[in-house]
Amino acid sequence: TDGLTSLDRYKGRCYDIEPVAGEESQFIAYVAYPLDLFEEGSVTNMFTSIVGNVFGFKALRALRLEDLRIPPAYTKTFQGPPHGIQVERDKLNKYGRPLLGCTIKPKLGLSAKNYGRAVYECLRGGLDFTKDDENVNSQPFMR
């Protein structure tokens, strides 16, 4: 199989489960993910992939992220933002008020033309910016 269908290579793994001391039916699960699931340098993609959708599962009554450990080699790919909010305000010529934006939905399935049309309509309607959904990224195995 190719990289896209190799589930065993890309799935997260729960490598330990411990009961929470003094709590009935509560556990700490230790989960590891292969780094190829995350776009290099994208904190947003990494956090969204790890905790984004799982907290919305109705089957889970309570869930909390206790700790997150990032390998040093992956941490080195985070370059930080290229500039601050003032540069954004200068580019947009918008001052003295919050900037208003949105995420285009659906996040997948739109052609480039229809995605562009959605962005155009949002900006025409008064938004200052749009952004890609966090799940739209460039994973190493997709290049």
N, C-alpha and C. Protein backbone atom coordinates (compact mmCIF):
# COMPACT_ATOMS: atom_id res chain seq x y z
N THR A 1 0.84 -1.19 0.00
CA THR A 1 0.00 0.00 0.00
C THR A 1 0.87 1.24 0.00
N ASP A 2 0.29 2.34 -0.43
CA ASP A 2 1.03 3.60 -0.40
C ASP A 2 0.88 4.25 0.98
N GLY A 3 1.53 5.38 1.17
CA GLY A 3 1.51 6.06 2.47
C GLY A 3 0.14 6.49 2.93
N LEU A 4 -0.76 6.76 1.99
CA LEU A 4 -2.09 7.25 2.37
C LEU A 4 -2.97 6.16 2.96
N THR A 5 -2.68 4.91 2.67
CA THR A 5 -3.53 3.83 3.16
C THR A 5 -2.84 3.01 4.24
N SER A 6 -1.73 3.47 4.74
CA SER A 6 -0.96 2.75 5.74
C SER A 6 -1.38 3.18 7.15
N LEU A 7 -2.55 2.70 7.60
CA LEU A 7 -3.10 3.10 8.89
C LEU A 7 -2.15 2.82 10.05
N ASP A 8 -1.53 1.65 10.06
CA ASP A 8 -0.65 1.31 11.18
C ASP A 8 0.50 2.30 11.32
N ARG A 9 0.92 2.87 10.22
CA ARG A 9 2.04 3.82 10.26
C ARG A 9 1.64 5.16 10.87
N TYR A 10 0.37 5.57 10.71
CA TYR A 10 -0.02 6.92 11.08
C TYR A 10 -1.00 7.03 12.25
N LYS A 11 -1.46 5.93 12.80
CA LYS A 11 -2.43 6.05 13.89
C LYS A 11 -1.74 6.33 15.22
N GLY A 12 -2.47 7.02 16.10
CA GLY A 12 -1.99 7.24 17.45
C GLY A 12 -2.01 5.93 18.22
N ARG A 13 -1.18 5.85 19.24
CA ARG A 13 -1.11 4.62 20.04
C ARG A 13 -1.23 4.95 21.53
N CYS A 14 -2.14 4.25 22.19
CA CYS A 14 -2.25 4.35 23.64
C CYS A 14 -1.27 3.33 24.22
N TYR A 15 -0.20 3.81 24.86
CA TYR A 15 0.83 2.90 25.32
C TYR A 15 0.76 2.61 26.82
N ASP A 16 -0.14 3.28 27.54
CA ASP A 16 -0.30 2.98 28.97
C ASP A 16 -1.62 3.58 29.45
N ILE A 17 -2.25 2.91 30.41
CA ILE A 17 -3.46 3.41 31.06
C ILE A 17 -3.29 3.17 32.55
N GLU A 18 -3.50 4.22 33.34
CA GLU A 18 -3.40 4.12 34.80
C GLU A 18 -4.69 4.61 35.44
N PRO A 19 -5.15 3.94 36.50
CA PRO A 19 -6.32 4.46 37.22
C PRO A 19 -5.95 5.73 37.97
N VAL A 20 -6.90 6.65 38.09
CA VAL A 20 -6.68 7.87 38.87
C VAL A 20 -6.88 7.50 40.34
N ALA A 21 -5.90 7.80 41.17
CA ALA A 21 -5.95 7.44 42.59
C ALA A 21 -7.17 8.06 43.26
N GLY A 22 -7.95 7.22 43.93
CA GLY A 22 -9.11 7.70 44.69
C GLY A 22 -10.32 8.03 43.85
N GLU A 23 -10.28 7.77 42.56
CA GLU A 23 -11.41 8.08 41.68
C GLU A 23 -11.89 6.81 40.98
N GLU A 24 -13.18 6.55 41.11
CA GLU A 24 -13.75 5.38 40.46
C GLU A 24 -14.04 5.68 38.99
N SER A 25 -13.69 4.77 38.15
CA SER A 25 -13.94 4.87 36.70
C SER A 25 -13.26 6.06 36.04
N GLN A 26 -12.12 6.48 36.57
CA GLN A 26 -11.35 7.54 35.92
C GLN A 26 -9.94 7.02 35.68
N PHE A 27 -9.41 7.36 34.51
CA PHE A 27 -8.12 6.83 34.12
C PHE A 27 -7.29 7.90 33.43
N ILE A 28 -5.99 7.70 33.46
CA ILE A 28 -5.05 8.52 32.69
C ILE A 28 -4.55 7.65 31.55
N ALA A 29 -4.73 8.12 30.33
CA ALA A 29 -4.27 7.40 29.15
C ALA A 29 -3.06 8.13 28.58
N TYR A 30 -2.04 7.38 28.24
CA TYR A 30 -0.84 7.93 27.63
C TYR A 30 -0.89 7.58 26.14
N VAL A 31 -0.89 8.62 25.31
CA VAL A 31 -1.07 8.43 23.87
C VAL A 31 0.10 9.08 23.14
N ALA A 32 0.61 8.39 22.14
CA ALA A 32 1.69 8.92 21.30
C ALA A 32 1.23 8.94 19.85
N TYR A 33 1.65 9.97 19.13
CA TYR A 33 1.31 10.12 17.72
C TYR A 33 2.59 10.19 16.89
N PRO A 34 2.60 9.62 15.68
CA PRO A 34 3.76 9.79 14.81
C PRO A 34 3.86 11.24 14.33
N LEU A 35 5.07 11.77 14.32
CA LEU A 35 5.27 13.17 13.95
C LEU A 35 4.85 13.47 12.51
N ASP A 36 4.84 12.46 11.65
CA ASP A 36 4.43 12.70 10.26
C ASP A 36 2.98 13.14 10.14
N LEU A 37 2.20 13.00 11.20
CA LEU A 37 0.81 13.46 11.16
C LEU A 37 0.70 14.98 11.21
N PHE A 38 1.77 15.65 11.62
CA PHE A 38 1.72 17.08 11.86
C PHE A 38 2.62 17.83 10.89
N GLU A 39 2.12 18.97 10.42
CA GLU A 39 2.91 19.84 9.56
C GLU A 39 4.02 20.47 10.38
N GLU A 40 5.23 20.45 9.85
CA GLU A 40 6.35 21.06 10.56
C GLU A 40 6.07 22.54 10.82
N GLY A 41 6.35 23.00 12.03
CA GLY A 41 6.22 24.41 12.36
C GLY A 41 4.81 24.90 12.59
N SER A 42 3.83 24.02 12.58
CA SER A 42 2.44 24.45 12.74
C SER A 42 1.89 24.05 14.10
N VAL A 43 2.02 24.96 15.05
CA VAL A 43 1.47 24.72 16.39
C VAL A 43 -0.03 24.50 16.30
N THR A 44 -0.70 25.29 15.49
CA THR A 44 -2.15 25.19 15.35
C THR A 44 -2.55 23.82 14.84
N ASN A 45 -1.89 23.34 13.80
CA ASN A 45 -2.21 22.02 13.26
C ASN A 45 -1.98 20.93 14.30
N MET A 46 -0.87 21.01 15.02
CA MET A 46 -0.56 19.99 16.02
C MET A 46 -1.63 19.95 17.11
N PHE A 47 -1.95 21.09 17.70
CA PHE A 47 -2.94 21.12 18.78
C PHE A 47 -4.33 20.71 18.28
N THR A 48 -4.71 21.17 17.12
CA THR A 48 -6.02 20.80 16.57
C THR A 48 -6.09 19.31 16.32
N SER A 49 -5.02 18.74 15.79
CA SER A 49 -5.01 17.31 15.52
C SER A 49 -5.08 16.49 16.80
N ILE A 50 -4.44 16.94 17.85
CA ILE A 50 -4.40 16.18 19.10
C ILE A 50 -5.67 16.35 19.92
N VAL A 51 -6.13 17.57 20.09
CA VAL A 51 -7.27 17.80 20.99
C VAL A 51 -8.50 18.39 20.33
N GLY A 52 -8.41 18.79 19.09
CA GLY A 52 -9.51 19.50 18.45
C GLY A 52 -10.84 18.79 18.45
N ASN A 53 -10.96 17.71 17.74
CA ASN A 53 -12.25 17.05 17.59
C ASN A 53 -12.58 16.07 18.70
N VAL A 54 -11.59 15.54 19.38
CA VAL A 54 -11.84 14.51 20.39
C VAL A 54 -12.66 15.06 21.57
N PHE A 55 -12.52 16.34 21.87
CA PHE A 55 -13.27 16.92 22.98
C PHE A 55 -14.75 17.09 22.66
N GLY A 56 -15.12 16.91 21.41
CA GLY A 56 -16.52 17.00 21.02
C GLY A 56 -17.23 15.65 20.99
N PHE A 57 -16.53 14.56 21.27
CA PHE A 57 -17.16 13.24 21.26
C PHE A 57 -18.17 13.14 22.39
N LYS A 58 -19.42 12.89 22.05
CA LYS A 58 -20.47 12.79 23.06
C LYS A 58 -20.30 11.57 23.95
N ALA A 59 -19.62 10.54 23.46
CA ALA A 59 -19.42 9.33 24.25
C ALA A 59 -18.51 9.58 25.46
N LEU A 60 -17.74 10.65 25.42
CA LEU A 60 -16.86 10.98 26.53
C LEU A 60 -17.54 11.99 27.44
N ARG A 61 -17.74 11.62 28.69
CA ARG A 61 -18.40 12.54 29.62
C ARG A 61 -17.44 13.59 30.16
N ALA A 62 -16.19 13.23 30.29
CA ALA A 62 -15.20 14.17 30.81
C ALA A 62 -13.84 13.83 30.20
N LEU A 63 -13.15 14.84 29.74
CA LEU A 63 -11.85 14.63 29.14
C LEU A 63 -11.00 15.87 29.40
N ARG A 64 -9.74 15.64 29.71
CA ARG A 64 -8.85 16.76 30.01
C ARG A 64 -7.44 16.40 29.54
N LEU A 65 -6.77 17.35 28.92
CA LEU A 65 -5.37 17.18 28.55
C LEU A 65 -4.53 17.57 29.75
N GLU A 66 -3.77 16.64 30.27
CA GLU A 66 -2.95 16.87 31.46
C GLU A 66 -1.54 17.32 31.12
N ASP A 67 -0.98 16.79 30.05
CA ASP A 67 0.41 17.06 29.73
C ASP A 67 0.62 16.84 28.24
N LEU A 68 1.53 17.58 27.66
CA LEU A 68 1.86 17.43 26.26
C LEU A 68 3.37 17.54 26.13
N ARG A 69 3.98 16.52 25.58
CA ARG A 69 5.44 16.52 25.41
C ARG A 69 5.76 16.51 23.92
N ILE A 70 6.53 17.48 23.51
CA ILE A 70 6.87 17.64 22.10
C ILE A 70 8.36 17.33 21.94
N PRO A 71 8.72 16.42 21.04
CA PRO A 71 10.13 16.11 20.84
C PRO A 71 10.93 17.35 20.43
N PRO A 72 12.13 17.51 20.98
CA PRO A 72 12.95 18.70 20.66
C PRO A 72 13.15 18.92 19.16
N ALA A 73 13.32 17.86 18.39
CA ALA A 73 13.52 18.03 16.94
C ALA A 73 12.31 18.68 16.30
N TYR A 74 11.11 18.35 16.77
CA TYR A 74 9.90 18.95 16.22
C TYR A 74 9.75 20.39 16.71
N THR A 75 10.08 20.64 17.96
CA THR A 75 10.01 21.99 18.53
C THR A 75 10.87 22.96 17.73
N LYS A 76 12.00 22.49 17.24
CA LYS A 76 12.90 23.36 16.47
C LYS A 76 12.29 23.82 15.15
N THR A 77 11.22 23.17 14.69
CA THR A 77 10.59 23.60 13.43
C THR A 77 9.67 24.80 13.65
N PHE A 78 9.36 25.15 14.89
CA PHE A 78 8.49 26.30 15.17
C PHE A 78 9.32 27.58 15.09
N GLN A 79 9.04 28.39 14.09
CA GLN A 79 9.81 29.61 13.87
C GLN A 79 9.19 30.84 14.55
N GLY A 80 7.98 30.72 15.04
CA GLY A 80 7.30 31.87 15.62
C GLY A 80 6.64 32.69 14.53
N PRO A 81 5.80 33.64 14.92
CA PRO A 81 5.11 34.45 13.92
C PRO A 81 6.10 35.37 13.20
N PRO A 82 5.87 35.62 11.91
CA PRO A 82 6.79 36.47 11.16
C PRO A 82 6.69 37.95 11.56
N HIS A 83 5.55 38.35 12.14
CA HIS A 83 5.36 39.73 12.56
C HIS A 83 4.17 39.79 13.51
N GLY A 84 3.89 40.95 14.05
CA GLY A 84 2.82 41.10 15.03
C GLY A 84 1.55 41.72 14.47
N ILE A 85 0.62 42.00 15.37
CA ILE A 85 -0.69 42.52 14.99
C ILE A 85 -0.61 43.89 14.32
N GLN A 86 0.38 44.71 14.70
CA GLN A 86 0.48 46.04 14.11
C GLN A 86 0.71 45.97 12.60
N VAL A 87 1.53 45.02 12.17
CA VAL A 87 1.77 44.84 10.74
C VAL A 87 0.47 44.43 10.04
N GLU A 88 -0.30 43.56 10.67
CA GLU A 88 -1.59 43.15 10.09
C GLU A 88 -2.53 44.34 9.97
N ARG A 89 -2.60 45.15 11.02
CA ARG A 89 -3.47 46.34 10.98
C ARG A 89 -3.02 47.31 9.89
N ASP A 90 -1.71 47.48 9.76
CA ASP A 90 -1.19 48.37 8.72
C ASP A 90 -1.55 47.86 7.32
N LYS A 91 -1.42 46.55 7.09
CA LYS A 91 -1.76 45.98 5.79
C LYS A 91 -3.24 46.15 5.47
N LEU A 92 -4.08 46.00 6.49
CA LEU A 92 -5.53 46.09 6.28
C LEU A 92 -6.06 47.52 6.40
N ASN A 93 -5.21 48.42 6.95
CA ASN A 93 -5.64 49.79 7.23
C ASN A 93 -6.87 49.81 8.14
N LYS A 94 -6.82 48.99 9.18
CA LYS A 94 -7.92 48.86 10.15
C LYS A 94 -7.36 49.11 11.55
N TYR A 95 -7.86 50.16 12.19
CA TYR A 95 -7.36 50.54 13.51
C TYR A 95 -8.52 50.84 14.45
N GLY A 96 -8.27 50.76 15.74
CA GLY A 96 -9.23 51.22 16.74
C GLY A 96 -10.43 50.31 16.95
N ARG A 97 -10.38 49.10 16.42
CA ARG A 97 -11.48 48.16 16.62
C ARG A 97 -10.95 46.74 16.45
N PRO A 98 -11.68 45.78 16.96
CA PRO A 98 -11.24 44.39 16.74
C PRO A 98 -11.32 44.03 15.25
N LEU A 99 -10.41 43.19 14.82
CA LEU A 99 -10.49 42.66 13.46
C LEU A 99 -11.49 41.51 13.46
N LEU A 100 -12.27 41.41 12.40
CA LEU A 100 -13.32 40.40 12.33
C LEU A 100 -13.03 39.45 11.17
N GLY A 101 -13.00 38.15 11.48
CA GLY A 101 -12.72 37.17 10.46
C GLY A 101 -13.51 35.89 10.67
N CYS A 102 -13.31 34.94 9.78
CA CYS A 102 -14.00 33.66 9.89
C CYS A 102 -13.15 32.56 9.26
N THR A 103 -13.56 31.34 9.53
CA THR A 103 -12.99 30.16 8.90
C THR A 103 -13.96 29.69 7.83
N ILE A 104 -13.48 29.46 6.63
CA ILE A 104 -14.34 29.01 5.54
C ILE A 104 -14.78 27.57 5.79
N LYS A 105 -16.07 27.33 5.66
CA LYS A 105 -16.65 25.99 5.79
C LYS A 105 -17.44 25.69 4.53
N PRO A 106 -17.52 24.49 4.04
CA PRO A 106 -16.88 23.32 4.64
C PRO A 106 -15.37 23.39 4.46
N LYS A 107 -14.67 22.74 5.36
CA LYS A 107 -13.21 22.81 5.32
C LYS A 107 -12.62 21.95 4.21
N LEU A 108 -13.36 20.96 3.75
CA LEU A 108 -12.89 20.10 2.68
C LEU A 108 -13.96 19.97 1.61
N GLY A 109 -13.56 19.73 0.39
CA GLY A 109 -14.50 19.43 -0.67
C GLY A 109 -14.82 20.56 -1.62
N LEU A 110 -14.42 21.79 -1.32
CA LEU A 110 -14.67 22.90 -2.24
C LEU A 110 -13.59 22.94 -3.30
N SER A 111 -13.97 23.25 -4.52
CA SER A 111 -12.97 23.49 -5.56
C SER A 111 -12.26 24.80 -5.23
N ALA A 112 -11.12 25.03 -5.86
CA ALA A 112 -10.40 26.29 -5.63
C ALA A 112 -11.28 27.48 -6.01
N LYS A 113 -12.04 27.35 -7.08
CA LYS A 113 -12.92 28.43 -7.53
C LYS A 113 -14.00 28.72 -6.49
N ASN A 114 -14.65 27.68 -5.98
CA ASN A 114 -15.71 27.88 -4.99
C ASN A 114 -15.16 28.35 -3.64
N TYR A 115 -13.97 27.89 -3.29
CA TYR A 115 -13.34 28.37 -2.06
C TYR A 115 -13.06 29.87 -2.20
N GLY A 116 -12.51 30.26 -3.34
CA GLY A 116 -12.26 31.68 -3.61
C GLY A 116 -13.53 32.51 -3.59
N ARG A 117 -14.60 31.96 -4.13
CA ARG A 117 -15.89 32.66 -4.13
C ARG A 117 -16.37 32.87 -2.69
N ALA A 118 -16.22 31.85 -1.84
CA ALA A 118 -16.63 31.98 -0.44
C ALA A 118 -15.81 33.06 0.28
N VAL A 119 -14.50 33.08 0.02
CA VAL A 119 -13.65 34.12 0.61
C VAL A 119 -14.09 35.50 0.14
N TYR A 120 -14.31 35.64 -1.16
CA TYR A 120 -14.74 36.92 -1.73
C TYR A 120 -16.03 37.41 -1.07
N GLU A 121 -17.01 36.54 -0.94
CA GLU A 121 -18.29 36.94 -0.35
C GLU A 121 -18.14 37.34 1.12
N CYS A 122 -17.28 36.66 1.85
CA CYS A 122 -17.04 37.03 3.25
C CYS A 122 -16.42 38.42 3.35
N LEU A 123 -15.41 38.68 2.53
CA LEU A 123 -14.75 39.99 2.56
C LEU A 123 -15.69 41.08 2.05
N ARG A 124 -16.45 40.79 1.03
CA ARG A 124 -17.42 41.75 0.50
C ARG A 124 -18.48 42.09 1.55
N GLY A 125 -18.80 41.12 2.40
CA GLY A 125 -19.81 41.32 3.44
C GLY A 125 -19.29 42.07 4.66
N GLY A 126 -18.00 42.41 4.68
CA GLY A 126 -17.49 43.24 5.77
C GLY A 126 -16.45 42.60 6.66
N LEU A 127 -16.13 41.35 6.46
CA LEU A 127 -15.07 40.74 7.27
C LEU A 127 -13.72 41.31 6.86
N ASP A 128 -12.78 41.31 7.80
CA ASP A 128 -11.44 41.81 7.52
C ASP A 128 -10.53 40.73 6.94
N PHE A 129 -10.79 39.48 7.28
CA PHE A 129 -9.94 38.38 6.80
C PHE A 129 -10.70 37.06 6.90
N THR A 130 -10.19 36.06 6.21
CA THR A 130 -10.63 34.68 6.38
C THR A 130 -9.38 33.86 6.65
N LYS A 131 -9.58 32.67 7.17
CA LYS A 131 -8.44 31.80 7.42
C LYS A 131 -8.77 30.38 7.01
N ASP A 132 -7.72 29.62 6.71
CA ASP A 132 -7.91 28.21 6.41
C ASP A 132 -8.28 27.48 7.69
N ASP A 133 -9.04 26.42 7.55
CA ASP A 133 -9.33 25.57 8.69
C ASP A 133 -8.02 24.95 9.18
N GLU A 134 -7.92 24.71 10.47
CA GLU A 134 -6.70 24.15 11.03
C GLU A 134 -6.35 22.80 10.42
N ASN A 135 -7.36 22.06 9.99
CA ASN A 135 -7.10 20.74 9.43
C ASN A 135 -6.60 20.78 7.99
N VAL A 136 -6.59 21.94 7.37
CA VAL A 136 -6.03 22.09 6.04
C VAL A 136 -4.54 22.36 6.25
N ASN A 137 -3.71 21.37 5.95
CA ASN A 137 -2.29 21.51 6.25
C ASN A 137 -1.47 20.74 5.23
N SER A 138 -0.18 20.72 5.45
CA SER A 138 0.75 20.07 4.52
C SER A 138 1.55 19.02 5.28
N GLN A 139 0.96 17.86 5.48
CA GLN A 139 1.65 16.79 6.19
C GLN A 139 2.76 16.23 5.32
N PRO A 140 3.87 15.79 5.93
CA PRO A 140 5.01 15.30 5.14
C PRO A 140 4.64 14.22 4.12
N PHE A 141 3.74 13.30 4.48
CA PHE A 141 3.42 12.21 3.56
C PHE A 141 2.49 12.63 2.43
N MET A 142 1.98 13.87 2.46
CA MET A 142 1.08 14.36 1.40
C MET A 142 1.84 15.13 0.32
N ARG A 143 3.13 15.31 0.50
CA ARG A 143 3.90 16.11 -0.47
C ARG A 143 4.40 15.25 -1.60
